[in-house]
């Protein structure tokens, strides 16, 4: 969407171009139920944990995912997940499963949220970028897990895969269904099993020009902070404001 930000920005622009040329809509989907995801199948998705004063993992409380960026240290979640939390008191564990952390534990060093969310808790801006680091790591996070393309202004009606970590479990669940239009600015995703803890889970659609590349078009959040029931979830549709926030996050990562 914006020039001059390197490979990441070019990928965002390419996604928008692909949609503009007429990617076919998915047919309406029926009721769906989440299933436990196979270990190692969704390396970009991970659990957000609290950190104890001694630096140990506490409890996981939300979900996040790695997005493509030049420095490879950017993850995406729902803004409400980070309300009243300090960056360095939170860690991201990609592909977490039953206590296993195959790609290590990454501490959040900065939180980038939209001004409309900060001032008014606007559900249409319920997303946040987090910059992560791992002391002693010689490789950036994205080089280990891969990164999702960020898709902006993607129309509703596309088939998406959603993966997240419900509270009280130590395993990832995933589900596939259509991201319907709840409103002009919000998606609705119907799938049983998405309880507390799955806020921030990415809605991944195959709408980009790169075969096999996951494109994140929203994260569970927005209306009702993602939904009041485990069977119906919501997500703010990524817009120009998301693009602007993405730029701000890239700039913050360079500091």
C-alpha atoms as a PDB file:
ATOM      1  CA  UNK A   1       0.000   0.000   0.000  1.00  0.00           C
ATOM      2  CA  UNK A   2       2.912   2.395   0.703  1.00  0.00           C
ATOM      3  CA  UNK A   3       6.163   2.725  -1.205  1.00  0.00           C
ATOM      4  CA  UNK A   4       9.581   2.845   0.345  1.00  0.00           C
ATOM      5  CA  UNK A   5       9.124   0.224   3.088  1.00  0.00           C
ATOM      6  CA  UNK A   6      10.889  -2.627   1.359  1.00  0.00           C
ATOM      7  CA  UNK A   7       9.681  -6.171   0.725  1.00  0.00           C
ATOM      8  CA  UNK A   8       6.932  -6.044   3.348  1.00  0.00           C
ATOM      9  CA  UNK A   9       5.207  -3.041   1.806  1.00  0.00           C
ATOM     10  CA  UNK A  10       5.486  -4.524  -1.680  1.00  0.00           C
ATOM     11  CA  UNK A  11       3.768  -7.680  -0.473  1.00  0.00           C
ATOM     12  CA  UNK A  12       0.888  -5.659   0.993  1.00  0.00           C
ATOM     13  CA  UNK A  13       0.497  -3.840  -2.309  1.00  0.00           C
ATOM     14  CA  UNK A  14       0.565  -7.104  -4.240  1.00  0.00           C
ATOM     15  CA  UNK A  15      -2.225  -8.545  -2.111  1.00  0.00           C
ATOM     16  CA  UNK A  16      -4.419  -5.515  -2.767  1.00  0.00           C
ATOM     17  CA  UNK A  17      -3.705  -5.768  -6.496  1.00  0.00           C
ATOM     18  CA  UNK A  18      -4.631  -9.437  -6.558  1.00  0.00           C
ATOM     19  CA  UNK A  19      -7.963  -8.718  -4.903  1.00  0.00           C
ATOM     20  CA  UNK A  20      -8.682  -5.860  -7.312  1.00  0.00           C
ATOM     21  CA  UNK A  21      -8.295  -8.183 -10.286  1.00  0.00           C
ATOM     22  CA  UNK A  22     -11.148 -10.341  -9.094  1.00  0.00           C
ATOM     23  CA  UNK A  23     -10.227 -13.227  -6.852  1.00  0.00           C
ATOM     24  CA  UNK A  24     -13.242 -15.515  -6.661  1.00  0.00           C
ATOM     25  CA  UNK A  25     -15.343 -15.424  -3.524  1.00  0.00           C
ATOM     26  CA  UNK A  26     -15.746 -18.603  -1.517  1.00  0.00           C
ATOM     27  CA  UNK A  27     -19.227 -20.109  -1.343  1.00  0.00           C
ATOM     28  CA  UNK A  28     -21.137 -19.687   1.929  1.00  0.00           C
ATOM     29  CA  UNK A  29     -19.971 -22.175   4.546  1.00  0.00           C
ATOM     30  CA  UNK A  30     -22.082 -24.054   7.066  1.00  0.00           C
ATOM     31  CA  UNK A  31     -21.500 -24.496  10.786  1.00  0.00           C
ATOM     32  CA  UNK A  32     -17.976 -25.516  11.727  1.00  0.00           C
ATOM     33  CA  UNK A  33     -16.204 -26.721  14.852  1.00  0.00           C
ATOM     34  CA  UNK A  34     -12.553 -26.089  15.666  1.00  0.00           C
ATOM     35  CA  UNK A  35     -10.165 -29.023  15.806  1.00  0.00           C
ATOM     36  CA  UNK A  36      -6.831 -29.414  17.554  1.00  0.00           C
ATOM     37  CA  UNK A  37      -4.163 -28.324  15.100  1.00  0.00           C
ATOM     38  CA  UNK A  38      -1.278 -30.638  14.355  1.00  0.00           C
ATOM     39  CA  UNK A  39       1.946 -29.670  16.115  1.00  0.00           C
ATOM     40  CA  UNK A  40       4.250 -27.743  13.802  1.00  0.00           C
ATOM     41  CA  UNK A  41       1.611 -26.972  11.174  1.00  0.00           C
ATOM     42  CA  UNK A  42       1.137 -23.266  11.972  1.00  0.00           C
ATOM     43  CA  UNK A  43       4.568 -21.961  12.910  1.00  0.00           C
ATOM     44  CA  UNK A  44       3.644 -18.276  12.542  1.00  0.00           C
ATOM     45  CA  UNK A  45       0.918 -18.506  15.225  1.00  0.00           C
ATOM     46  CA  UNK A  46       1.766 -18.540  18.900  1.00  0.00           C
ATOM     47  CA  UNK A  47       0.536 -17.868  22.418  1.00  0.00           C
ATOM     48  CA  UNK A  48       1.029 -14.665  24.392  1.00  0.00           C
ATOM     49  CA  UNK A  49       2.127 -15.302  27.971  1.00  0.00           C
ATOM     50  CA  UNK A  50       2.526 -13.201  31.058  1.00  0.00           C
ATOM     51  CA  UNK A  51       6.038 -13.162  32.490  1.00  0.00           C
ATOM     52  CA  UNK A  52       6.744 -13.617  36.174  1.00  0.00           C
ATOM     53  CA  UNK A  53       9.093 -11.180  37.998  1.00  0.00           C
ATOM     54  CA  UNK A  54      11.842 -13.784  37.597  1.00  0.00           C
ATOM     55  CA  UNK A  55      11.281 -13.922  33.839  1.00  0.00           C
ATOM     56  CA  UNK A  56       9.510 -17.272  33.724  1.00  0.00           C
ATOM     57  CA  UNK A  57       6.395 -17.972  31.669  1.00  0.00           C
ATOM     58  CA  UNK A  58       3.160 -17.412  33.559  1.00  0.00           C
ATOM     59  CA  UNK A  59      -0.208 -18.094  31.921  1.00  0.00           C
ATOM     60  CA  UNK A  60      -1.144 -17.633  28.295  1.00  0.00           C
ATOM     61  CA  UNK A  61      -3.940 -15.151  27.701  1.00  0.00           C
ATOM     62  CA  UNK A  62      -4.182 -14.310  23.975  1.00  0.00           C
ATOM     63  CA  UNK A  63      -2.924 -15.340  20.548  1.00  0.00           C
ATOM     64  CA  UNK A  64      -0.611 -13.534  18.113  1.00  0.00           C
ATOM     65  CA  UNK A  65       1.115 -14.256  14.809  1.00  0.00           C
ATOM     66  CA  UNK A  66       4.299 -13.289  12.994  1.00  0.00           C
ATOM     67  CA  UNK A  67       3.859 -10.856  10.108  1.00  0.00           C
ATOM     68  CA  UNK A  68       6.307 -10.084   7.330  1.00  0.00           C
ATOM     69  CA  UNK A  69       8.674  -7.202   8.088  1.00  0.00           C
ATOM     70  CA  UNK A  70      12.192  -6.190   7.029  1.00  0.00           C
ATOM     71  CA  UNK A  71      13.676  -6.866  10.468  1.00  0.00           C
ATOM     72  CA  UNK A  72      11.627 -10.009  11.072  1.00  0.00           C
ATOM     73  CA  UNK A  73      10.630  -9.061  14.618  1.00  0.00           C
ATOM     74  CA  UNK A  74       6.976  -8.034  14.234  1.00  0.00           C
ATOM     75  CA  UNK A  75       3.893  -9.856  15.507  1.00  0.00           C
ATOM     76  CA  UNK A  76       0.201  -8.942  15.364  1.00  0.00           C
ATOM     77  CA  UNK A  77      -2.587  -9.364  17.917  1.00  0.00           C
ATOM     78  CA  UNK A  78      -5.749  -7.629  19.162  1.00  0.00           C
ATOM     79  CA  UNK A  79      -5.236  -4.294  20.926  1.00  0.00           C
ATOM     80  CA  UNK A  80      -7.529  -5.257  23.802  1.00  0.00           C
ATOM     81  CA  UNK A  81      -5.154  -8.125  24.622  1.00  0.00           C
ATOM     82  CA  UNK A  82      -2.518  -5.591  25.632  1.00  0.00           C
ATOM     83  CA  UNK A  83      -4.765  -3.272  27.654  1.00  0.00           C
ATOM     84  CA  UNK A  84      -3.126  -2.441  31.011  1.00  0.00           C
ATOM     85  CA  UNK A  85      -0.093  -4.595  30.203  1.00  0.00           C
ATOM     86  CA  UNK A  86       3.535  -3.558  30.087  1.00  0.00           C
ATOM     87  CA  UNK A  87       5.517  -4.702  27.058  1.00  0.00           C
ATOM     88  CA  UNK A  88       8.352  -6.422  28.921  1.00  0.00           C
ATOM     89  CA  UNK A  89       5.891  -8.343  31.076  1.00  0.00           C
ATOM     90  CA  UNK A  90       4.635 -10.253  28.016  1.00  0.00           C
ATOM     91  CA  UNK A  91       6.261 -12.997  25.942  1.00  0.00           C
ATOM     92  CA  UNK A  92       5.373 -14.628  22.631  1.00  0.00           C
ATOM     93  CA  UNK A  93       5.882 -18.360  22.097  1.00  0.00           C
ATOM     94  CA  UNK A  94       5.347 -19.340  18.440  1.00  0.00           C
ATOM     95  CA  UNK A  95       3.961 -22.822  17.756  1.00  0.00           C
ATOM     96  CA  UNK A  96       3.583 -23.437  21.483  1.00  0.00           C
ATOM     97  CA  UNK A  97       2.291 -26.904  22.354  1.00  0.00           C
ATOM     98  CA  UNK A  98       2.054 -28.708  25.692  1.00  0.00           C
ATOM     99  CA  UNK A  99       4.962 -26.797  27.199  1.00  0.00           C
ATOM    100  CA  UNK A 100       7.135 -27.054  24.092  1.00  0.00           C
ATOM    101  CA  UNK A 101       8.613 -23.886  22.576  1.00  0.00           C
ATOM    102  CA  UNK A 102      10.311 -25.057  19.364  1.00  0.00           C
ATOM    103  CA  UNK A 103      11.245 -21.513  18.267  1.00  0.00           C
ATOM    104  CA  UNK A 104      12.046 -20.134  21.679  1.00  0.00           C
ATOM    105  CA  UNK A 105      10.519 -17.491  23.932  1.00  0.00           C
ATOM    106  CA  UNK A 106      10.422 -13.917  22.617  1.00  0.00           C
ATOM    107  CA  UNK A 107       9.939 -10.944  24.933  1.00  0.00           C
ATOM    108  CA  UNK A 108       7.807  -8.011  23.782  1.00  0.00           C
ATOM    109  CA  UNK A 109       9.833  -4.788  23.794  1.00  0.00           C
ATOM    110  CA  UNK A 110       7.291  -2.383  22.307  1.00  0.00           C
ATOM    111  CA  UNK A 111       3.526  -2.158  21.727  1.00  0.00           C
ATOM    112  CA  UNK A 112       2.162  -0.164  18.769  1.00  0.00           C
ATOM    113  CA  UNK A 113      -1.582   0.596  18.933  1.00  0.00           C
ATOM    114  CA  UNK A 114      -3.829   2.948  16.987  1.00  0.00           C
ATOM    115  CA  UNK A 115      -4.632   6.356  18.495  1.00  0.00           C
ATOM    116  CA  UNK A 116      -8.386   5.731  18.094  1.00  0.00           C
ATOM    117  CA  UNK A 117      -8.062   2.584  20.152  1.00  0.00           C
ATOM    118  CA  UNK A 118      -6.049   4.306  22.855  1.00  0.00           C
ATOM    119  CA  UNK A 119      -8.466   7.233  23.156  1.00  0.00           C
ATOM    120  CA  UNK A 120     -11.855   5.608  22.592  1.00  0.00           C
ATOM    121  CA  UNK A 121     -11.431   1.820  22.417  1.00  0.00           C
ATOM    122  CA  UNK A 122     -12.812   1.965  18.875  1.00  0.00           C
ATOM    123  CA  UNK A 123     -13.640  -1.663  17.911  1.00  0.00           C
ATOM    124  CA  UNK A 124     -12.655  -0.911  14.329  1.00  0.00           C
ATOM    125  CA  UNK A 125      -9.078  -0.347  15.504  1.00  0.00           C
ATOM    126  CA  UNK A 126      -8.763  -3.372  17.775  1.00  0.00           C
ATOM    127  CA  UNK A 127      -5.355  -4.511  16.567  1.00  0.00           C
ATOM    128  CA  UNK A 128      -1.788  -3.986  17.741  1.00  0.00           C
ATOM    129  CA  UNK A 129       1.692  -4.710  16.465  1.00  0.00           C
ATOM    130  CA  UNK A 130       4.257  -5.961  18.961  1.00  0.00           C
ATOM    131  CA  UNK A 131       8.019  -5.818  18.471  1.00  0.00           C
ATOM    132  CA  UNK A 132       9.759  -8.818  19.984  1.00  0.00           C
ATOM    133  CA  UNK A 133      13.334  -9.799  20.759  1.00  0.00           C
ATOM    134  CA  UNK A 134      15.230 -12.737  22.214  1.00  0.00           C
ATOM    135  CA  UNK A 135      18.525 -11.997  23.968  1.00  0.00           C
ATOM    136  CA  UNK A 136      21.336 -14.006  22.459  1.00  0.00           C
ATOM    137  CA  UNK A 137      19.420 -14.982  19.329  1.00  0.00           C
ATOM    138  CA  UNK A 138      21.494 -14.737  16.163  1.00  0.00           C
ATOM    139  CA  UNK A 139      18.438 -14.965  13.908  1.00  0.00           C
ATOM    140  CA  UNK A 140      15.291 -12.838  13.730  1.00  0.00           C
ATOM    141  CA  UNK A 141      12.012 -14.512  14.617  1.00  0.00           C
ATOM    142  CA  UNK A 142      10.620 -14.466  11.082  1.00  0.00           C
ATOM    143  CA  UNK A 143      13.632 -16.347   9.706  1.00  0.00           C
ATOM    144  CA  UNK A 144      12.605 -19.245  11.963  1.00  0.00           C
ATOM    145  CA  UNK A 145       8.817 -19.217  11.608  1.00  0.00           C
ATOM    146  CA  UNK A 146       8.030 -17.432   8.376  1.00  0.00           C
ATOM    147  CA  UNK A 147       5.774 -14.390   8.258  1.00  0.00           C
ATOM    148  CA  UNK A 148       2.249 -13.647   7.109  1.00  0.00           C
ATOM    149  CA  UNK A 149       1.485 -11.092   4.423  1.00  0.00           C
ATOM    150  CA  UNK A 150      -0.736  -8.255   5.675  1.00  0.00           C
ATOM    151  CA  UNK A 151      -3.883  -7.881   3.538  1.00  0.00           C
ATOM    152  CA  UNK A 152      -5.779  -4.574   3.583  1.00  0.00           C
ATOM    153  CA  UNK A 153      -9.339  -3.857   2.382  1.00  0.00           C
ATOM    154  CA  UNK A 154     -10.103  -7.504   1.621  1.00  0.00           C
ATOM    155  CA  UNK A 155     -13.858  -7.934   0.965  1.00  0.00           C
ATOM    156  CA  UNK A 156     -15.879 -10.334   3.082  1.00  0.00           C
ATOM    157  CA  UNK A 157     -16.868 -13.704   1.650  1.00  0.00           C
ATOM    158  CA  UNK A 158     -13.486 -15.341   1.495  1.00  0.00           C
ATOM    159  CA  UNK A 159     -12.627 -18.680   3.042  1.00  0.00           C
ATOM    160  CA  UNK A 160     -10.260 -18.223   5.971  1.00  0.00           C
ATOM    161  CA  UNK A 161      -8.357 -20.428   8.370  1.00  0.00           C
ATOM    162  CA  UNK A 162      -8.270 -19.240  11.982  1.00  0.00           C
ATOM    163  CA  UNK A 163      -5.948 -20.675  14.635  1.00  0.00           C
ATOM    164  CA  UNK A 164      -5.626 -19.775  18.305  1.00  0.00           C
ATOM    165  CA  UNK A 165      -5.016 -20.849  21.890  1.00  0.00           C
ATOM    166  CA  UNK A 166      -8.097 -21.098  24.141  1.00  0.00           C
ATOM    167  CA  UNK A 167      -7.581 -20.425  27.841  1.00  0.00           C
ATOM    168  CA  UNK A 168      -7.176 -23.573  29.897  1.00  0.00           C
ATOM    169  CA  UNK A 169      -5.564 -25.593  27.109  1.00  0.00           C
ATOM    170  CA  UNK A 170      -1.961 -25.987  25.995  1.00  0.00           C
ATOM    171  CA  UNK A 171      -2.665 -26.762  22.350  1.00  0.00           C
ATOM    172  CA  UNK A 172      -3.546 -24.789  19.252  1.00  0.00           C
ATOM    173  CA  UNK A 173      -6.987 -25.152  17.674  1.00  0.00           C
ATOM    174  CA  UNK A 174      -7.869 -24.262  14.101  1.00  0.00           C
ATOM    175  CA  UNK A 175     -10.975 -23.973  11.974  1.00  0.00           C
ATOM    176  CA  UNK A 176     -11.856 -23.068   8.405  1.00  0.00           C
ATOM    177  CA  UNK A 177     -14.974 -21.192   7.360  1.00  0.00           C
ATOM    178  CA  UNK A 178     -16.084 -18.079   5.466  1.00  0.00           C
ATOM    179  CA  UNK A 179     -15.369 -14.610   6.837  1.00  0.00           C
ATOM    180  CA  UNK A 180     -18.815 -13.078   6.364  1.00  0.00           C
ATOM    181  CA  UNK A 181     -19.677  -9.371   6.579  1.00  0.00           C
ATOM    182  CA  UNK A 182     -21.046  -8.448  10.012  1.00  0.00           C
ATOM    183  CA  UNK A 183     -20.841  -4.760   9.085  1.00  0.00           C
ATOM    184  CA  UNK A 184     -18.902  -2.689   6.536  1.00  0.00           C
ATOM    185  CA  UNK A 185     -15.972  -2.606   8.963  1.00  0.00           C
ATOM    186  CA  UNK A 186     -16.208  -5.986  10.712  1.00  0.00           C
ATOM    187  CA  UNK A 187     -15.988  -9.638   9.702  1.00  0.00           C
ATOM    188  CA  UNK A 188     -17.971 -12.429  11.351  1.00  0.00           C
ATOM    189  CA  UNK A 189     -16.510 -15.921  11.596  1.00  0.00           C
ATOM    190  CA  UNK A 190     -18.724 -18.790  12.797  1.00  0.00           C
ATOM    191  CA  UNK A 191     -16.875 -21.697  14.362  1.00  0.00           C
ATOM    192  CA  UNK A 192     -17.302 -23.427  17.709  1.00  0.00           C
ATOM    193  CA  UNK A 193     -14.456 -23.576  20.218  1.00  0.00           C
ATOM    194  CA  UNK A 194     -13.015 -20.050  20.057  1.00  0.00           C
ATOM    195  CA  UNK A 195     -13.212 -19.160  23.739  1.00  0.00           C
ATOM    196  CA  UNK A 196     -11.232 -16.610  25.767  1.00  0.00           C
ATOM    197  CA  UNK A 197      -7.574 -16.781  24.839  1.00  0.00           C
ATOM    198  CA  UNK A 198      -8.190 -16.834  21.100  1.00  0.00           C
ATOM    199  CA  UNK A 199      -8.413 -13.047  20.872  1.00  0.00           C
ATOM    200  CA  UNK A 200      -5.725 -11.933  18.439  1.00  0.00           C
ATOM    201  CA  UNK A 201      -5.976 -15.125  16.365  1.00  0.00           C
ATOM    202  CA  UNK A 202      -5.275 -14.321  12.692  1.00  0.00           C
ATOM    203  CA  UNK A 203      -7.854 -14.758   9.946  1.00  0.00           C
ATOM    204  CA  UNK A 204      -5.700 -16.242   7.189  1.00  0.00           C
ATOM    205  CA  UNK A 205      -6.899 -16.133   3.597  1.00  0.00           C
ATOM    206  CA  UNK A 206      -5.216 -17.313   0.419  1.00  0.00           C
ATOM    207  CA  UNK A 207      -5.788 -14.110  -1.564  1.00  0.00           C
ATOM    208  CA  UNK A 208      -2.219 -13.115  -2.343  1.00  0.00           C
ATOM    209  CA  UNK A 209      -0.127 -13.526  -5.501  1.00  0.00           C
ATOM    210  CA  UNK A 210       2.330 -15.884  -3.817  1.00  0.00           C
ATOM    211  CA  UNK A 211       1.211 -19.561  -3.859  1.00  0.00           C
ATOM    212  CA  UNK A 212       0.950 -20.976  -0.367  1.00  0.00           C
ATOM    213  CA  UNK A 213       1.556 -17.639   1.355  1.00  0.00           C
ATOM    214  CA  UNK A 214      -0.802 -16.909   4.233  1.00  0.00           C
ATOM    215  CA  UNK A 215      -2.417 -13.478   4.189  1.00  0.00           C
ATOM    216  CA  UNK A 216      -3.787 -12.116   7.454  1.00  0.00           C
ATOM    217  CA  UNK A 217      -6.886  -9.990   6.833  1.00  0.00           C
ATOM    218  CA  UNK A 218      -8.002  -9.511  10.453  1.00  0.00           C
ATOM    219  CA  UNK A 219      -7.558 -10.761  14.005  1.00  0.00           C
ATOM    220  CA  UNK A 220     -10.232 -11.939  16.425  1.00  0.00           C
ATOM    221  CA  UNK A 221     -11.311  -8.804  18.277  1.00  0.00           C
ATOM    222  CA  UNK A 222     -13.341  -5.752  17.369  1.00  0.00           C
ATOM    223  CA  UNK A 223     -17.058  -6.055  18.131  1.00  0.00           C
ATOM    224  CA  UNK A 224     -17.588  -7.420  21.659  1.00  0.00           C
ATOM    225  CA  UNK A 225     -13.775  -7.727  21.767  1.00  0.00           C
ATOM    226  CA  UNK A 226     -14.114 -10.738  19.495  1.00  0.00           C
ATOM    227  CA  UNK A 227     -17.498 -12.111  20.523  1.00  0.00           C
ATOM    228  CA  UNK A 228     -19.524 -13.076  23.587  1.00  0.00           C
ATOM    229  CA  UNK A 229     -19.894 -16.729  22.578  1.00  0.00           C
ATOM    230  CA  UNK A 230     -17.392 -19.420  21.606  1.00  0.00           C
ATOM    231  CA  UNK A 231     -19.183 -20.109  18.319  1.00  0.00           C
ATOM    232  CA  UNK A 232     -19.277 -16.618  16.753  1.00  0.00           C
ATOM    233  CA  UNK A 233     -16.164 -14.450  16.468  1.00  0.00           C
ATOM    234  CA  UNK A 234     -15.571 -10.996  15.033  1.00  0.00           C
ATOM    235  CA  UNK A 235     -12.609  -9.142  13.573  1.00  0.00           C
ATOM    236  CA  UNK A 236     -12.035  -5.582  12.434  1.00  0.00           C
ATOM    237  CA  UNK A 237     -11.474  -5.433   8.695  1.00  0.00           C
ATOM    238  CA  UNK A 238      -7.979  -4.095   8.039  1.00  0.00           C
ATOM    239  CA  UNK A 239      -8.132  -0.627   6.488  1.00  0.00           C
ATOM    240  CA  UNK A 240      -5.909   2.361   5.729  1.00  0.00           C
ATOM    241  CA  UNK A 241      -5.522   2.930   9.466  1.00  0.00           C
ATOM    242  CA  UNK A 242      -3.998  -0.537   9.772  1.00  0.00           C
ATOM    243  CA  UNK A 243      -1.572   0.339   6.961  1.00  0.00           C
ATOM    244  CA  UNK A 244      -0.571   3.495   8.830  1.00  0.00           C
ATOM    245  CA  UNK A 245      -0.084   1.552  12.042  1.00  0.00           C
ATOM    246  CA  UNK A 246       2.023  -0.997  10.168  1.00  0.00           C
ATOM    247  CA  UNK A 247       4.280   1.818   8.965  1.00  0.00           C
ATOM    248  CA  UNK A 248       4.569   3.129  12.522  1.00  0.00           C
ATOM    249  CA  UNK A 249       5.534  -0.343  13.742  1.00  0.00           C
ATOM    250  CA  UNK A 250       8.203  -0.707  11.052  1.00  0.00           C
ATOM    251  CA  UNK A 251       9.634   2.673  12.038  1.00  0.00           C
ATOM    252  CA  UNK A 252       9.634   1.724  15.721  1.00  0.00           C
ATOM    253  CA  UNK A 253      11.412  -1.543  14.933  1.00  0.00           C
ATOM    254  CA  UNK A 254      14.293   0.388  13.349  1.00  0.00           C
ATOM    255  CA  UNK A 255      14.927   2.377  16.534  1.00  0.00           C
END
